[in-house]
Amino acid sequence: PGLGADAAGEERQGKLVADLAREYGVQHLVFSSVERGGEAFDDHLTLDRAAKVAIERHIRSLDGLRWTILRPAFFMENFDGAVGRITATVLRVGMKEDTKIQLVVRIPPTHFLTLF
């Protein structure tokens, strides 16, 4: 979901995955969420971000499940190609010059398997 699209399906699926992880004894659940600026902004979220917050809260409520929540902010890959030129322009025009943005590089999920 995104751009205001209904995220109810994502929320259902995310909660189901967490429930199944606990039920089947998954050793460690890693959930990729989204940076939102902190809990102070939770009442002003887009639908897709609100769904991810609901999934995070559900995961934290499950006893007996070890978990890690990742909150990537902005991907370096957003600057690739033609879309990247548009992204750079939107950021340059729409943000103050001294605005700081967290940038991350996408890492294949399998990379994290070596952590556990």
N, C-alpha and C. Protein backbone atom coordinates (compact mmCIF):
# COMPACT_ATOMS: atom_id res chain seq x y z
N PRO A 1 0.83 -1.20 0.00
CA PRO A 1 0.00 0.00 0.00
C PRO A 1 0.86 1.25 0.00
N GLY A 2 0.25 2.33 -0.17
CA GLY A 2 0.92 3.61 -0.19
C GLY A 2 0.06 4.61 -0.92
N LEU A 3 0.44 5.85 -0.88
CA LEU A 3 -0.30 6.92 -1.53
C LEU A 3 -1.77 6.89 -1.13
N GLY A 4 -2.04 6.61 0.14
CA GLY A 4 -3.41 6.63 0.65
C GLY A 4 -4.20 5.36 0.42
N ALA A 5 -3.58 4.34 -0.17
CA ALA A 5 -4.30 3.09 -0.43
C ALA A 5 -4.64 2.39 0.88
N ASP A 6 -5.71 1.63 0.86
CA ASP A 6 -6.13 0.89 2.05
C ASP A 6 -5.05 -0.12 2.43
N ALA A 7 -4.68 -0.11 3.69
CA ALA A 7 -3.62 -1.00 4.16
C ALA A 7 -4.14 -2.08 5.08
N ALA A 8 -5.45 -2.30 5.08
CA ALA A 8 -6.04 -3.30 5.98
C ALA A 8 -5.48 -4.69 5.71
N GLY A 9 -5.25 -5.02 4.44
CA GLY A 9 -4.70 -6.33 4.10
C GLY A 9 -3.30 -6.51 4.65
N GLU A 10 -2.49 -5.48 4.54
CA GLU A 10 -1.12 -5.55 5.08
C GLU A 10 -1.16 -5.73 6.59
N GLU A 11 -2.06 -5.00 7.25
CA GLU A 11 -2.16 -5.13 8.71
C GLU A 11 -2.58 -6.54 9.11
N ARG A 12 -3.59 -7.09 8.43
CA ARG A 12 -4.04 -8.46 8.74
C ARG A 12 -2.90 -9.45 8.55
N GLN A 13 -2.22 -9.34 7.40
CA GLN A 13 -1.14 -10.27 7.10
C GLN A 13 0.01 -10.15 8.09
N GLY A 14 0.39 -8.93 8.43
CA GLY A 14 1.49 -8.72 9.36
C GLY A 14 1.20 -9.31 10.73
N LYS A 15 -0.02 -9.09 11.22
CA LYS A 15 -0.40 -9.64 12.52
C LYS A 15 -0.46 -11.17 12.47
N LEU A 16 -0.97 -11.70 11.35
CA LEU A 16 -1.04 -13.15 11.19
C LEU A 16 0.35 -13.77 11.19
N VAL A 17 1.28 -13.17 10.47
CA VAL A 17 2.65 -13.69 10.44
C VAL A 17 3.24 -13.71 11.85
N ALA A 18 3.02 -12.64 12.61
CA ALA A 18 3.53 -12.60 13.99
C ALA A 18 2.89 -13.68 14.85
N ASP A 19 1.58 -13.84 14.72
CA ASP A 19 0.88 -14.88 15.50
C ASP A 19 1.40 -16.27 15.15
N LEU A 20 1.59 -16.52 13.86
CA LEU A 20 2.10 -17.83 13.43
C LEU A 20 3.54 -18.04 13.88
N ALA A 21 4.33 -16.98 13.87
CA ALA A 21 5.72 -17.10 14.32
C ALA A 21 5.76 -17.54 15.78
N ARG A 22 4.90 -16.95 16.60
CA ARG A 22 4.86 -17.35 18.01
C ARG A 22 4.32 -18.78 18.15
N GLU A 23 3.23 -19.07 17.42
CA GLU A 23 2.60 -20.39 17.54
C GLU A 23 3.55 -21.52 17.14
N TYR A 24 4.36 -21.28 16.11
CA TYR A 24 5.23 -22.34 15.60
C TYR A 24 6.66 -22.24 16.13
N GLY A 25 6.89 -21.38 17.11
CA GLY A 25 8.19 -21.33 17.78
C GLY A 25 9.32 -20.75 16.96
N VAL A 26 9.01 -19.80 16.09
CA VAL A 26 10.07 -19.12 15.34
C VAL A 26 11.03 -18.49 16.35
N GLN A 27 12.33 -18.68 16.12
CA GLN A 27 13.30 -18.21 17.11
C GLN A 27 13.38 -16.69 17.18
N HIS A 28 13.23 -16.02 16.04
CA HIS A 28 13.37 -14.56 16.04
C HIS A 28 12.65 -14.01 14.81
N LEU A 29 11.73 -13.09 15.02
CA LEU A 29 10.97 -12.46 13.94
C LEU A 29 11.59 -11.10 13.64
N VAL A 30 11.86 -10.83 12.36
CA VAL A 30 12.34 -9.52 11.92
C VAL A 30 11.24 -8.88 11.09
N PHE A 31 10.77 -7.70 11.52
CA PHE A 31 9.71 -7.00 10.82
C PHE A 31 10.25 -5.70 10.26
N SER A 32 10.06 -5.47 8.97
CA SER A 32 10.47 -4.24 8.32
C SER A 32 9.31 -3.26 8.34
N SER A 33 9.44 -2.24 9.16
CA SER A 33 8.39 -1.25 9.32
C SER A 33 8.78 0.02 8.55
N VAL A 34 8.51 1.17 9.13
CA VAL A 34 8.84 2.43 8.46
C VAL A 34 9.12 3.48 9.53
N GLU A 35 10.09 4.33 9.25
CA GLU A 35 10.39 5.44 10.16
C GLU A 35 9.22 6.42 10.11
N ARG A 36 8.82 6.91 11.28
CA ARG A 36 7.68 7.82 11.32
C ARG A 36 7.94 9.06 12.15
N GLY A 37 9.14 9.23 12.66
CA GLY A 37 9.47 10.41 13.44
C GLY A 37 9.18 10.28 14.91
N GLY A 38 8.82 9.10 15.36
CA GLY A 38 8.54 8.87 16.77
C GLY A 38 7.06 8.74 17.06
N GLU A 39 6.76 8.25 18.26
CA GLU A 39 5.37 7.99 18.64
C GLU A 39 4.53 9.25 18.71
N ALA A 40 5.14 10.41 18.86
CA ALA A 40 4.39 11.67 18.92
C ALA A 40 3.61 11.92 17.64
N PHE A 41 4.01 11.28 16.55
CA PHE A 41 3.35 11.48 15.26
C PHE A 41 2.34 10.39 14.92
N ASP A 42 2.13 9.43 15.82
CA ASP A 42 1.27 8.29 15.54
C ASP A 42 -0.17 8.67 15.19
N ASP A 43 -0.66 9.81 15.67
CA ASP A 43 -2.03 10.22 15.37
C ASP A 43 -2.17 10.91 14.02
N HIS A 44 -1.06 11.10 13.32
CA HIS A 44 -1.09 11.84 12.05
C HIS A 44 -0.46 11.03 10.92
N LEU A 45 -0.70 9.74 10.91
CA LEU A 45 -0.05 8.85 9.95
C LEU A 45 -0.93 8.58 8.75
N THR A 46 -0.29 8.32 7.61
CA THR A 46 -1.02 7.84 6.44
C THR A 46 -1.46 6.41 6.72
N LEU A 47 -2.39 5.91 5.93
CA LEU A 47 -2.95 4.57 6.17
C LEU A 47 -1.88 3.49 6.19
N ASP A 48 -0.94 3.56 5.25
CA ASP A 48 0.08 2.51 5.20
C ASP A 48 0.99 2.55 6.42
N ARG A 49 1.32 3.73 6.89
CA ARG A 49 2.17 3.84 8.08
C ARG A 49 1.40 3.43 9.34
N ALA A 50 0.13 3.77 9.40
CA ALA A 50 -0.70 3.38 10.56
C ALA A 50 -0.78 1.86 10.65
N ALA A 51 -0.87 1.18 9.51
CA ALA A 51 -0.91 -0.28 9.50
C ALA A 51 0.38 -0.86 10.07
N LYS A 52 1.51 -0.29 9.68
CA LYS A 52 2.79 -0.79 10.18
C LYS A 52 2.91 -0.56 11.68
N VAL A 53 2.42 0.58 12.18
CA VAL A 53 2.46 0.84 13.62
C VAL A 53 1.58 -0.17 14.35
N ALA A 54 0.42 -0.48 13.79
CA ALA A 54 -0.47 -1.47 14.41
C ALA A 54 0.20 -2.84 14.46
N ILE A 55 0.92 -3.20 13.40
CA ILE A 55 1.64 -4.48 13.38
C ILE A 55 2.75 -4.46 14.44
N GLU A 56 3.50 -3.36 14.51
CA GLU A 56 4.55 -3.25 15.53
C GLU A 56 3.98 -3.46 16.93
N ARG A 57 2.88 -2.78 17.23
CA ARG A 57 2.27 -2.89 18.56
C ARG A 57 1.83 -4.33 18.83
N HIS A 58 1.29 -4.97 17.81
CA HIS A 58 0.86 -6.36 17.98
C HIS A 58 2.05 -7.26 18.28
N ILE A 59 3.12 -7.08 17.53
CA ILE A 59 4.33 -7.89 17.74
C ILE A 59 4.84 -7.70 19.17
N ARG A 60 4.91 -6.45 19.62
CA ARG A 60 5.41 -6.18 20.98
C ARG A 60 4.51 -6.77 22.06
N SER A 61 3.23 -6.98 21.74
CA SER A 61 2.29 -7.51 22.74
C SER A 61 2.37 -9.02 22.90
N LEU A 62 3.07 -9.70 22.01
CA LEU A 62 3.11 -11.17 22.03
C LEU A 62 4.18 -11.68 22.98
N ASP A 63 3.76 -12.31 24.05
CA ASP A 63 4.70 -12.91 24.99
C ASP A 63 5.37 -14.12 24.35
N GLY A 64 6.65 -14.28 24.63
CA GLY A 64 7.37 -15.46 24.18
C GLY A 64 7.91 -15.36 22.77
N LEU A 65 7.80 -14.21 22.13
CA LEU A 65 8.32 -14.05 20.77
C LEU A 65 9.46 -13.05 20.80
N ARG A 66 10.63 -13.49 20.37
CA ARG A 66 11.77 -12.56 20.22
C ARG A 66 11.61 -11.87 18.88
N TRP A 67 11.87 -10.57 18.85
CA TRP A 67 11.64 -9.83 17.62
C TRP A 67 12.62 -8.67 17.47
N THR A 68 12.78 -8.24 16.23
CA THR A 68 13.51 -7.02 15.89
C THR A 68 12.65 -6.26 14.90
N ILE A 69 12.50 -4.97 15.12
CA ILE A 69 11.75 -4.12 14.20
C ILE A 69 12.73 -3.16 13.54
N LEU A 70 12.79 -3.21 12.21
CA LEU A 70 13.64 -2.31 11.43
C LEU A 70 12.76 -1.19 10.90
N ARG A 71 13.26 0.04 10.95
CA ARG A 71 12.48 1.19 10.46
C ARG A 71 13.31 1.99 9.46
N PRO A 72 13.44 1.48 8.25
CA PRO A 72 14.18 2.25 7.25
C PRO A 72 13.47 3.57 6.97
N ALA A 73 14.24 4.60 6.69
CA ALA A 73 13.67 5.92 6.48
C ALA A 73 13.54 6.24 4.98
N PHE A 74 14.64 6.28 4.29
CA PHE A 74 14.64 6.66 2.87
C PHE A 74 15.74 5.87 2.20
N PHE A 75 15.42 5.20 1.12
CA PHE A 75 16.38 4.33 0.47
C PHE A 75 17.25 5.09 -0.53
N MET A 76 18.55 4.81 -0.52
CA MET A 76 19.47 5.41 -1.49
C MET A 76 19.01 5.11 -2.91
N GLU A 77 18.40 3.94 -3.10
CA GLU A 77 17.95 3.54 -4.44
C GLU A 77 16.87 4.46 -4.99
N ASN A 78 16.25 5.28 -4.13
CA ASN A 78 15.26 6.25 -4.61
C ASN A 78 15.88 7.29 -5.53
N PHE A 79 17.21 7.38 -5.56
CA PHE A 79 17.88 8.36 -6.40
C PHE A 79 18.35 7.78 -7.73
N ASP A 80 18.05 6.50 -7.99
CA ASP A 80 18.47 5.85 -9.24
C ASP A 80 17.59 6.27 -10.41
N GLY A 81 18.19 6.40 -11.58
CA GLY A 81 17.46 6.57 -12.83
C GLY A 81 16.59 7.81 -12.91
N ALA A 82 15.60 7.75 -13.81
CA ALA A 82 14.71 8.89 -14.06
C ALA A 82 13.89 9.23 -12.82
N VAL A 83 13.42 8.22 -12.12
CA VAL A 83 12.65 8.47 -10.90
C VAL A 83 13.54 9.18 -9.87
N GLY A 84 14.81 8.84 -9.86
CA GLY A 84 15.74 9.47 -8.94
C GLY A 84 15.89 10.96 -9.18
N ARG A 85 15.88 11.35 -10.45
CA ARG A 85 15.96 12.78 -10.77
C ARG A 85 14.72 13.50 -10.26
N ILE A 86 13.56 12.86 -10.39
CA ILE A 86 12.32 13.45 -9.88
C ILE A 86 12.39 13.54 -8.35
N THR A 87 12.85 12.46 -7.72
CA THR A 87 12.96 12.44 -6.26
C THR A 87 13.86 13.56 -5.78
N ALA A 88 15.02 13.71 -6.40
CA ALA A 88 15.96 14.75 -5.99
C ALA A 88 15.34 16.13 -6.14
N THR A 89 14.61 16.35 -7.22
CA THR A 89 13.96 17.64 -7.44
C THR A 89 12.89 17.90 -6.39
N VAL A 90 12.06 16.90 -6.12
CA VAL A 90 11.00 17.06 -5.11
C VAL A 90 11.61 17.39 -3.75
N LEU A 91 12.67 16.70 -3.38
CA LEU A 91 13.31 16.97 -2.09
C LEU A 91 13.94 18.36 -2.06
N ARG A 92 14.59 18.73 -3.15
CA ARG A 92 15.25 20.03 -3.20
C ARG A 92 14.24 21.18 -3.12
N VAL A 93 13.12 21.04 -3.81
CA VAL A 93 12.11 22.10 -3.84
C VAL A 93 11.23 22.07 -2.60
N GLY A 94 10.94 20.88 -2.09
CA GLY A 94 9.96 20.75 -1.02
C GLY A 94 10.50 20.75 0.39
N MET A 95 11.82 20.81 0.54
CA MET A 95 12.38 20.75 1.89
C MET A 95 13.36 21.89 2.11
N LYS A 96 13.51 22.29 3.35
CA LYS A 96 14.50 23.31 3.68
C LYS A 96 15.89 22.78 3.38
N GLU A 97 16.78 23.68 3.04
CA GLU A 97 18.13 23.29 2.64
C GLU A 97 18.88 22.53 3.73
N ASP A 98 18.61 22.84 4.98
CA ASP A 98 19.34 22.20 6.08
C ASP A 98 18.62 20.97 6.65
N THR A 99 17.59 20.48 5.94
CA THR A 99 16.86 19.30 6.40
C THR A 99 17.74 18.06 6.32
N LYS A 100 17.73 17.28 7.37
CA LYS A 100 18.51 16.03 7.40
C LYS A 100 17.57 14.86 7.12
N ILE A 101 18.06 13.90 6.33
CA ILE A 101 17.27 12.72 5.98
C ILE A 101 18.12 11.48 6.28
N GLN A 102 17.51 10.50 6.94
CA GLN A 102 18.20 9.23 7.15
C GLN A 102 18.16 8.45 5.84
N LEU A 103 19.30 8.03 5.36
CA LEU A 103 19.38 7.25 4.13
C LEU A 103 19.91 5.86 4.46
N VAL A 104 19.32 4.86 3.85
CA VAL A 104 19.78 3.49 4.01
C VAL A 104 19.87 2.83 2.65
N VAL A 105 20.71 1.83 2.56
CA VAL A 105 20.83 1.03 1.34
C VAL A 105 20.07 -0.26 1.59
N ARG A 106 19.27 -0.66 0.60
CA ARG A 106 18.54 -1.92 0.76
C ARG A 106 19.53 -3.07 0.88
N ILE A 107 19.25 -3.92 1.83
CA ILE A 107 20.08 -5.10 2.06
C ILE A 107 19.17 -6.31 1.90
N PRO A 108 19.61 -7.32 1.15
CA PRO A 108 18.77 -8.51 1.01
C PRO A 108 18.44 -9.10 2.39
N PRO A 109 17.18 -9.50 2.61
CA PRO A 109 16.79 -10.05 3.92
C PRO A 109 17.67 -11.21 4.37
N THR A 110 18.23 -11.96 3.42
CA THR A 110 19.07 -13.10 3.80
C THR A 110 20.33 -12.65 4.53
N HIS A 111 20.74 -11.41 4.34
CA HIS A 111 21.92 -10.89 5.04
C HIS A 111 21.73 -10.98 6.55
N PHE A 112 20.51 -10.78 7.01
CA PHE A 112 20.25 -10.77 8.44
C PHE A 112 20.26 -12.17 9.05
N LEU A 113 20.19 -13.19 8.22
CA LEU A 113 20.20 -14.55 8.76
C LEU A 113 21.50 -14.85 9.49
N THR A 114 22.57 -14.18 9.10
CA THR A 114 23.85 -14.42 9.76
C THR A 114 23.91 -13.80 11.14
N LEU A 115 22.96 -12.94 11.48
CA LEU A 115 22.96 -12.28 12.78
C LEU A 115 22.49 -13.19 13.89
N PHE A 116 21.72 -14.21 13.56
CA PHE A 116 21.07 -15.00 14.61
C PHE A 116 21.57 -16.41 14.59
